[in-house]
Amino acid sequence: MENLDIIILTIIVSLLFLVFIIATYQELTSAKLTKTKFGKETGPRAAMIEFIGKIFTGENIETTEKEKLIELMKKSLKDLEKDTE
């Protein structure tokens, strides 16, 4: 009976894991049935991607300015890589 606390904890964790699996399965099946449509993304990441897209599709932006912007993005990405190291 020394391991009673370990047995009880194992049973509780197993039950919670089983509930998690069942809930995940139900959510996935309900998502397939409703065919949820997602709206337009918002936030800083979506704004940055939209801005980059406008750089390459914008006809009123000169190619030299596009090249400058690309160089600035490369520098900022390199700085981010240095910060993560």
PDB file of N, CA and C in Angstrom:
ATOM      1  N   MET A   1       0.807  -1.206   0.000  1.00  0.00           N
ATOM      2  CA  MET A   1       0.000   0.000   0.000  1.00  0.00           C
ATOM      3  C   MET A   1       0.847   1.265   0.000  1.00  0.00           C
ATOM      4  N   GLU A   2       2.146   1.108  -0.118  1.00  0.00           N
ATOM      5  CA  GLU A   2       3.009   2.278  -0.148  1.00  0.00           C
ATOM      6  C   GLU A   2       2.802   3.083  -1.421  1.00  0.00           C
ATOM      7  N   ASN A   3       2.433   2.434  -2.487  1.00  0.00           N
ATOM      8  CA  ASN A   3       2.297   3.090  -3.781  1.00  0.00           C
ATOM      9  C   ASN A   3       0.862   3.504  -4.087  1.00  0.00           C
ATOM     10  N   LEU A   4       0.023   3.610  -3.105  1.00  0.00           N
ATOM     11  CA  LEU A   4      -1.374   3.959  -3.332  1.00  0.00           C
ATOM     12  C   LEU A   4      -1.510   5.349  -3.944  1.00  0.00           C
ATOM     13  N   ASP A   5      -0.697   6.295  -3.497  1.00  0.00           N
ATOM     14  CA  ASP A   5      -0.777   7.649  -4.046  1.00  0.00           C
ATOM     15  C   ASP A   5      -0.358   7.681  -5.516  1.00  0.00           C
ATOM     16  N   ILE A   6       0.611   6.874  -5.904  1.00  0.00           N
ATOM     17  CA  ILE A   6       1.042   6.813  -7.301  1.00  0.00           C
ATOM     18  C   ILE A   6      -0.047   6.180  -8.163  1.00  0.00           C
ATOM     19  N   ILE A   7      -0.704   5.153  -7.643  1.00  0.00           N
ATOM     20  CA  ILE A   7      -1.789   4.491  -8.375  1.00  0.00           C
ATOM     21  C   ILE A   7      -2.953   5.444  -8.585  1.00  0.00           C
ATOM     22  N   ILE A   8      -3.319   6.188  -7.558  1.00  0.00           N
ATOM     23  CA  ILE A   8      -4.425   7.147  -7.667  1.00  0.00           C
ATOM     24  C   ILE A   8      -4.073   8.248  -8.660  1.00  0.00           C
ATOM     25  N   LEU A   9      -2.873   8.764  -8.585  1.00  0.00           N
ATOM     26  CA  LEU A   9      -2.453   9.807  -9.522  1.00  0.00           C
ATOM     27  C   LEU A   9      -2.453   9.290 -10.964  1.00  0.00           C
ATOM     28  N   THR A  10      -2.001   8.063 -11.158  1.00  0.00           N
ATOM     29  CA  THR A  10      -1.990   7.465 -12.494  1.00  0.00           C
ATOM     30  C   THR A  10      -3.400   7.309 -13.032  1.00  0.00           C
ATOM     31  N   ILE A  11      -4.323   6.903 -12.218  1.00  0.00           N
ATOM     32  CA  ILE A  11      -5.727   6.748 -12.635  1.00  0.00           C
ATOM     33  C   ILE A  11      -6.312   8.100 -13.019  1.00  0.00           C
ATOM     34  N   ILE A  12      -6.044   9.132 -12.217  1.00  0.00           N
ATOM     35  CA  ILE A  12      -6.574  10.471 -12.503  1.00  0.00           C
ATOM     36  C   ILE A  12      -6.006  11.004 -13.820  1.00  0.00           C
ATOM     37  N   VAL A  13      -4.703  10.870 -14.000  1.00  0.00           N
ATOM     38  CA  VAL A  13      -4.069  11.354 -15.227  1.00  0.00           C
ATOM     39  C   VAL A  13      -4.593  10.586 -16.437  1.00  0.00           C
ATOM     40  N   SER A  14      -4.774   9.289 -16.301  1.00  0.00           N
ATOM     41  CA  SER A  14      -5.295   8.479 -17.400  1.00  0.00           C
ATOM     42  C   SER A  14      -6.712   8.901 -17.771  1.00  0.00           C
ATOM     43  N   LEU A  15      -7.539   9.147 -16.782  1.00  0.00           N
ATOM     44  CA  LEU A  15      -8.905   9.594 -17.047  1.00  0.00           C
ATOM     45  C   LEU A  15      -8.935  10.959 -17.726  1.00  0.00           C
ATOM     46  N   LEU A  16      -8.097  11.865 -17.268  1.00  0.00           N
ATOM     47  CA  LEU A  16      -8.046  13.188 -17.895  1.00  0.00           C
ATOM     48  C   LEU A  16      -7.555  13.104 -19.330  1.00  0.00           C
ATOM     49  N   PHE A  17      -6.592  12.233 -19.587  1.00  0.00           N
ATOM     50  CA  PHE A  17      -6.103  12.039 -20.949  1.00  0.00           C
ATOM     51  C   PHE A  17      -7.192  11.456 -21.833  1.00  0.00           C
ATOM     52  N   LEU A  18      -7.972  10.530 -21.321  1.00  0.00           N
ATOM     53  CA  LEU A  18      -9.087   9.949 -22.066  1.00  0.00           C
ATOM     54  C   LEU A  18     -10.146  11.012 -22.376  1.00  0.00           C
ATOM     55  N   VAL A  19     -10.442  11.863 -21.406  1.00  0.00           N
ATOM     56  CA  VAL A  19     -11.399  12.959 -21.638  1.00  0.00           C
ATOM     57  C   VAL A  19     -10.872  13.913 -22.704  1.00  0.00           C
ATOM     58  N   PHE A  20      -9.588  14.195 -22.669  1.00  0.00           N
ATOM     59  CA  PHE A  20      -8.981  15.070 -23.678  1.00  0.00           C
ATOM     60  C   PHE A  20      -9.116  14.472 -25.076  1.00  0.00           C
ATOM     61  N   ILE A  21      -8.853  13.180 -25.207  1.00  0.00           N
ATOM     62  CA  ILE A  21      -8.963  12.529 -26.516  1.00  0.00           C
ATOM     63  C   ILE A  21     -10.396  12.568 -27.020  1.00  0.00           C
ATOM     64  N   ILE A  22     -11.357  12.284 -26.160  1.00  0.00           N
ATOM     65  CA  ILE A  22     -12.760  12.299 -26.563  1.00  0.00           C
ATOM     66  C   ILE A  22     -13.196  13.703 -26.963  1.00  0.00           C
ATOM     67  N   ALA A  23     -12.818  14.699 -26.192  1.00  0.00           N
ATOM     68  CA  ALA A  23     -13.199  16.076 -26.510  1.00  0.00           C
ATOM     69  C   ALA A  23     -12.571  16.534 -27.821  1.00  0.00           C
ATOM     70  N   THR A  24     -11.322  16.171 -28.056  1.00  0.00           N
ATOM     71  CA  THR A  24     -10.658  16.533 -29.308  1.00  0.00           C
ATOM     72  C   THR A  24     -11.347  15.881 -30.490  1.00  0.00           C
ATOM     73  N   TYR A  25     -11.697  14.617 -30.366  1.00  0.00           N
ATOM     74  CA  TYR A  25     -12.398  13.913 -31.443  1.00  0.00           C
ATOM     75  C   TYR A  25     -13.743  14.572 -31.740  1.00  0.00           C
ATOM     76  N   GLN A  26     -14.488  14.931 -30.701  1.00  0.00           N
ATOM     77  CA  GLN A  26     -15.787  15.575 -30.905  1.00  0.00           C
ATOM     78  C   GLN A  26     -15.642  16.924 -31.602  1.00  0.00           C
ATOM     79  N   GLU A  27     -14.639  17.698 -31.223  1.00  0.00           N
ATOM     80  CA  GLU A  27     -14.431  18.994 -31.860  1.00  0.00           C
ATOM     81  C   GLU A  27     -14.056  18.840 -33.330  1.00  0.00           C
ATOM     82  N   LEU A  28     -13.210  17.872 -33.627  1.00  0.00           N
ATOM     83  CA  LEU A  28     -12.809  17.666 -35.019  1.00  0.00           C
ATOM     84  C   LEU A  28     -13.973  17.194 -35.870  1.00  0.00           C
ATOM     85  N   THR A  29     -14.816  16.327 -35.346  1.00  0.00           N
ATOM     86  CA  THR A  29     -15.967  15.875 -36.128  1.00  0.00           C
ATOM     87  C   THR A  29     -16.987  16.984 -36.294  1.00  0.00           C
ATOM     88  N   SER A  30     -17.178  17.822 -35.286  1.00  0.00           N
ATOM     89  CA  SER A  30     -18.129  18.929 -35.435  1.00  0.00           C
ATOM     90  C   SER A  30     -17.587  19.988 -36.390  1.00  0.00           C
ATOM     91  N   ALA A  31     -16.276  20.166 -36.454  1.00  0.00           N
ATOM     92  CA  ALA A  31     -15.687  21.123 -37.393  1.00  0.00           C
ATOM     93  C   ALA A  31     -15.871  20.635 -38.823  1.00  0.00           C
ATOM     94  N   LYS A  32     -15.802  19.327 -39.044  1.00  0.00           N
ATOM     95  CA  LYS A  32     -16.024  18.789 -40.379  1.00  0.00           C
ATOM     96  C   LYS A  32     -17.478  18.954 -40.799  1.00  0.00           C
ATOM     97  N   LEU A  33     -18.391  18.818 -39.866  1.00  0.00           N
ATOM     98  CA  LEU A  33     -19.803  18.909 -40.194  1.00  0.00           C
ATOM     99  C   LEU A  33     -20.237  20.349 -40.472  1.00  0.00           C
ATOM    100  N   THR A  34     -19.702  21.307 -39.725  1.00  0.00           N
ATOM    101  CA  THR A  34     -20.142  22.692 -39.891  1.00  0.00           C
ATOM    102  C   THR A  34     -19.425  23.406 -41.020  1.00  0.00           C
ATOM    103  N   LYS A  35     -18.257  22.903 -41.434  1.00  0.00           N
ATOM    104  CA  LYS A  35     -17.456  23.516 -42.497  1.00  0.00           C
ATOM    105  C   LYS A  35     -17.271  25.010 -42.223  1.00  0.00           C
ATOM    106  N   THR A  36     -16.615  25.300 -41.134  1.00  0.00           N
ATOM    107  CA  THR A  36     -16.393  26.660 -40.680  1.00  0.00           C
ATOM    108  C   THR A  36     -15.587  27.447 -41.702  1.00  0.00           C
ATOM    109  N   LYS A  37     -16.062  28.652 -42.002  1.00  0.00           N
ATOM    110  CA  LYS A  37     -15.347  29.546 -42.901  1.00  0.00           C
ATOM    111  C   LYS A  37     -14.643  30.597 -42.049  1.00  0.00           C
ATOM    112  N   PHE A  38     -13.385  30.793 -42.351  1.00  0.00           N
ATOM    113  CA  PHE A  38     -12.602  31.736 -41.575  1.00  0.00           C
ATOM    114  C   PHE A  38     -12.556  33.078 -42.294  1.00  0.00           C
ATOM    115  N   GLY A  39     -12.542  34.160 -41.515  1.00  0.00           N
ATOM    116  CA  GLY A  39     -12.509  35.498 -42.079  1.00  0.00           C
ATOM    117  C   GLY A  39     -11.090  35.959 -42.352  1.00  0.00           C
ATOM    118  N   LYS A  40     -10.990  37.227 -42.672  1.00  0.00           N
ATOM    119  CA  LYS A  40      -9.690  37.812 -42.970  1.00  0.00           C
ATOM    120  C   LYS A  40      -8.867  37.904 -41.690  1.00  0.00           C
ATOM    121  N   GLU A  41      -7.594  37.583 -41.819  1.00  0.00           N
ATOM    122  CA  GLU A  41      -6.707  37.657 -40.660  1.00  0.00           C
ATOM    123  C   GLU A  41      -6.462  39.110 -40.269  1.00  0.00           C
ATOM    124  N   THR A  42      -6.283  39.334 -38.978  1.00  0.00           N
ATOM    125  CA  THR A  42      -5.961  40.660 -38.471  1.00  0.00           C
ATOM    126  C   THR A  42      -4.763  40.539 -37.544  1.00  0.00           C
ATOM    127  N   GLY A  43      -4.181  41.668 -37.252  1.00  0.00           N
ATOM    128  CA  GLY A  43      -3.057  41.673 -36.337  1.00  0.00           C
ATOM    129  C   GLY A  43      -1.776  42.110 -37.017  1.00  0.00           C
ATOM    130  N   PRO A  44      -0.706  42.228 -36.238  1.00  0.00           N
ATOM    131  CA  PRO A  44       0.556  42.731 -36.795  1.00  0.00           C
ATOM    132  C   PRO A  44       1.178  41.802 -37.832  1.00  0.00           C
ATOM    133  N   ARG A  45       1.066  40.490 -37.633  1.00  0.00           N
ATOM    134  CA  ARG A  45       1.643  39.560 -38.594  1.00  0.00           C
ATOM    135  C   ARG A  45       0.931  39.662 -39.935  1.00  0.00           C
ATOM    136  N   ALA A  46      -0.393  39.729 -39.910  1.00  0.00           N
ATOM    137  CA  ALA A  46      -1.160  39.837 -41.149  1.00  0.00           C
ATOM    138  C   ALA A  46      -0.879  41.167 -41.844  1.00  0.00           C
ATOM    139  N   ALA A  47      -0.700  42.243 -41.070  1.00  0.00           N
ATOM    140  CA  ALA A  47      -0.398  43.545 -41.669  1.00  0.00           C
ATOM    141  C   ALA A  47       0.977  43.536 -42.321  1.00  0.00           C
ATOM    142  N   MET A  48       1.942  42.865 -41.697  1.00  0.00           N
ATOM    143  CA  MET A  48       3.277  42.790 -42.274  1.00  0.00           C
ATOM    144  C   MET A  48       3.258  42.002 -43.584  1.00  0.00           C
ATOM    145  N   ILE A  49       2.550  40.881 -43.608  1.00  0.00           N
ATOM    146  CA  ILE A  49       2.475  40.074 -44.823  1.00  0.00           C
ATOM    147  C   ILE A  49       1.769  40.838 -45.932  1.00  0.00           C
ATOM    148  N   GLU A  50       0.733  41.568 -45.591  1.00  0.00           N
ATOM    149  CA  GLU A  50       0.027  42.379 -46.589  1.00  0.00           C
ATOM    150  C   GLU A  50       0.941  43.480 -47.126  1.00  0.00           C
ATOM    151  N   PHE A  51       1.722  44.095 -46.248  1.00  0.00           N
ATOM    152  CA  PHE A  51       2.651  45.142 -46.673  1.00  0.00           C
ATOM    153  C   PHE A  51       3.703  44.592 -47.626  1.00  0.00           C
ATOM    154  N   ILE A  52       4.263  43.429 -47.292  1.00  0.00           N
ATOM    155  CA  ILE A  52       5.269  42.820 -48.160  1.00  0.00           C
ATOM    156  C   ILE A  52       4.655  42.466 -49.508  1.00  0.00           C
ATOM    157  N   GLY A  53       3.437  41.987 -49.488  1.00  0.00           N
ATOM    158  CA  GLY A  53       2.758  41.686 -50.742  1.00  0.00           C
ATOM    159  C   GLY A  53       2.555  42.922 -51.597  1.00  0.00           C
ATOM    160  N   LYS A  54       2.242  44.056 -50.959  1.00  0.00           N
ATOM    161  CA  LYS A  54       2.059  45.303 -51.702  1.00  0.00           C
ATOM    162  C   LYS A  54       3.369  45.802 -52.301  1.00  0.00           C
ATOM    163  N   ILE A  55       4.481  45.498 -51.638  1.00  0.00           N
ATOM    164  CA  ILE A  55       5.778  45.916 -52.172  1.00  0.00           C
ATOM    165  C   ILE A  55       6.007  45.287 -53.542  1.00  0.00           C
ATOM    166  N   PHE A  56       5.709  44.016 -53.657  1.00  0.00           N
ATOM    167  CA  PHE A  56       6.005  43.318 -54.900  1.00  0.00           C
ATOM    168  C   PHE A  56       4.924  43.478 -55.961  1.00  0.00           C
ATOM    169  N   THR A  57       3.712  43.821 -55.557  1.00  0.00           N
ATOM    170  CA  THR A  57       2.654  43.998 -56.548  1.00  0.00           C
ATOM    171  C   THR A  57       2.395  45.468 -56.865  1.00  0.00           C
ATOM    172  N   GLY A  58       2.926  46.364 -56.055  1.00  0.00           N
ATOM    173  CA  GLY A  58       2.690  47.790 -56.272  1.00  0.00           C
ATOM    174  C   GLY A  58       3.390  48.300 -57.513  1.00  0.00           C
ATOM    175  N   GLU A  59       2.621  48.833 -58.438  1.00  0.00           N
ATOM    176  CA  GLU A  59       3.199  49.347 -59.672  1.00  0.00           C
ATOM    177  C   GLU A  59       3.770  50.749 -59.498  1.00  0.00           C
ATOM    178  N   ASN A  60       3.291  51.469 -58.499  1.00  0.00           N
ATOM    179  CA  ASN A  60       3.753  52.835 -58.302  1.00  0.00           C
ATOM    180  C   ASN A  60       5.052  52.905 -57.492  1.00  0.00           C
ATOM    181  N   ILE A  61       5.548  51.785 -57.030  1.00  0.00           N
ATOM    182  CA  ILE A  61       6.806  51.764 -56.290  1.00  0.00           C
ATOM    183  C   ILE A  61       7.927  51.430 -57.273  1.00  0.00           C
ATOM    184  N   GLU A  62       8.977  52.231 -57.238  1.00  0.00           N
ATOM    185  CA  GLU A  62      10.097  52.003 -58.148  1.00  0.00           C
ATOM    186  C   GLU A  62      10.906  50.793 -57.703  1.00  0.00           C
ATOM    187  N   THR A  63      11.614  50.202 -58.663  1.00  0.00           N
ATOM    188  CA  THR A  63      12.394  48.996 -58.349  1.00  0.00           C
ATOM    189  C   THR A  63      13.530  49.290 -57.385  1.00  0.00           C
ATOM    190  N   THR A  64      14.096  50.490 -57.451  1.00  0.00           N
ATOM    191  CA  THR A  64      15.176  50.818 -56.507  1.00  0.00           C
ATOM    192  C   THR A  64      14.642  50.880 -55.081  1.00  0.00           C
ATOM    193  N   GLU A  65      13.440  51.413 -54.915  1.00  0.00           N
ATOM    194  CA  GLU A  65      12.843  51.459 -53.580  1.00  0.00           C
ATOM    195  C   GLU A  65      12.500  50.058 -53.094  1.00  0.00           C
ATOM    196  N   LYS A  66      12.059  49.204 -54.021  1.00  0.00           N
ATOM    197  CA  LYS A  66      11.780  47.821 -53.641  1.00  0.00           C
ATOM    198  C   LYS A  66      13.050  47.142 -53.140  1.00  0.00           C
ATOM    199  N   GLU A  67      14.159  47.375 -53.850  1.00  0.00           N
ATOM    200  CA  GLU A  67      15.420  46.759 -53.445  1.00  0.00           C
ATOM    201  C   GLU A  67      15.869  47.279 -52.086  1.00  0.00           C
ATOM    202  N   LYS A  68      15.675  48.580 -51.826  1.00  0.00           N
ATOM    203  CA  LYS A  68      16.028  49.144 -50.525  1.00  0.00           C
ATOM    204  C   LYS A  68      15.198  48.508 -49.414  1.00  0.00           C
ATOM    205  N   LEU A  69      13.904  48.340 -49.675  1.00  0.00           N
ATOM    206  CA  LEU A  69      13.035  47.741 -48.665  1.00  0.00           C
ATOM    207  C   LEU A  69      13.421  46.292 -48.400  1.00  0.00           C
ATOM    208  N   ILE A  70      13.782  45.575 -49.449  1.00  0.00           N
ATOM    209  CA  ILE A  70      14.202  44.187 -49.275  1.00  0.00           C
ATOM    210  C   ILE A  70      15.469  44.114 -48.440  1.00  0.00           C
ATOM    211  N   GLU A  71      16.410  45.017 -48.689  1.00  0.00           N
ATOM    212  CA  GLU A  71      17.648  45.042 -47.896  1.00  0.00           C
ATOM    213  C   GLU A  71      17.359  45.355 -46.436  1.00  0.00           C
ATOM    214  N   LEU A  72      16.419  46.280 -46.191  1.00  0.00           N
ATOM    215  CA  LEU A  72      16.059  46.597 -44.809  1.00  0.00           C
ATOM    216  C   LEU A  72      15.433  45.393 -44.114  1.00  0.00           C
ATOM    217  N   MET A  73      14.589  44.667 -44.840  1.00  0.00           N
ATOM    218  CA  MET A  73      13.973  43.480 -44.247  1.00  0.00           C
ATOM    219  C   MET A  73      15.026  42.426 -43.944  1.00  0.00           C
ATOM    220  N   LYS A  74      15.999  42.263 -44.849  1.00  0.00           N
ATOM    221  CA  LYS A  74      17.058  41.284 -44.612  1.00  0.00           C
ATOM    222  C   LYS A  74      17.868  41.652 -43.382  1.00  0.00           C
ATOM    223  N   LYS A  75      18.182  42.958 -43.223  1.00  0.00           N
ATOM    224  CA  LYS A  75      18.935  43.392 -42.045  1.00  0.00           C
ATOM    225  C   LYS A  75      18.161  43.138 -40.767  1.00  0.00           C
ATOM    226  N   SER A  76      16.859  43.439 -40.776  1.00  0.00           N
ATOM    227  CA  SER A  76      16.065  43.227 -39.568  1.00  0.00           C
ATOM    228  C   SER A  76      15.927  41.744 -39.258  1.00  0.00           C
ATOM    229  N   LEU A  77      15.844  40.898 -40.292  1.00  0.00           N
ATOM    230  CA  LEU A  77      15.790  39.457 -40.043  1.00  0.00           C
ATOM    231  C   LEU A  77      17.104  38.949 -39.464  1.00  0.00           C
ATOM    232  N   LYS A  78      18.214  39.489 -39.955  1.00  0.00           N
ATOM    233  CA  LYS A  78      19.511  39.089 -39.403  1.00  0.00           C
ATOM    234  C   LYS A  78      19.629  39.510 -37.950  1.00  0.00           C
ATOM    235  N   ASP A  79      19.111  40.710 -37.630  1.00  0.00           N
ATOM    236  CA  ASP A  79      19.132  41.166 -36.241  1.00  0.00           C
ATOM    237  C   ASP A  79      18.285  40.253 -35.354  1.00  0.00           C
ATOM    238  N   LEU A  80      17.142  39.822 -35.878  1.00  0.00           N
ATOM    239  CA  LEU A  80      16.304  38.932 -35.102  1.00  0.00           C
ATOM    240  C   LEU A  80      16.990  37.592 -34.869  1.00  0.00           C
ATOM    241  N   GLU A  81      17.703  37.103 -35.872  1.00  0.00           N
ATOM    242  CA  GLU A  81      18.422  35.842 -35.717  1.00  0.00           C
ATOM    243  C   GLU A  81      19.523  35.980 -34.680  1.00  0.00           C
ATOM    244  N   LYS A  82      20.199  37.134 -34.652  1.00  0.00           N
ATOM    245  CA  LYS A  82      21.244  37.353 -33.642  1.00  0.00           C
ATOM    246  C   LYS A  82      20.659  37.400 -32.249  1.00  0.00           C
ATOM    247  N   ASP A  83      19.466  38.008 -32.116  1.00  0.00           N
ATOM    248  CA  ASP A  83      18.835  38.108 -30.798  1.00  0.00           C
ATOM    249  C   ASP A  83      18.404  36.753 -30.274  1.00  0.00           C
ATOM    250  N   THR A  84      18.008  35.851 -31.163  1.00  0.00           N
ATOM    251  CA  THR A  84      17.550  34.543 -30.696  1.00  0.00           C
ATOM    252  C   THR A  84      18.680  33.606 -30.335  1.00  0.00           C
ATOM    253  N   GLU A  85      19.885  33.898 -30.793  1.00  0.00           N
ATOM    254  CA  GLU A  85      21.015  33.014 -30.486  1.00  0.00           C
ATOM    255  C   GLU A  85      21.527  33.212 -29.103  1.00  0.00           C
TER     256      GLU A  85
END
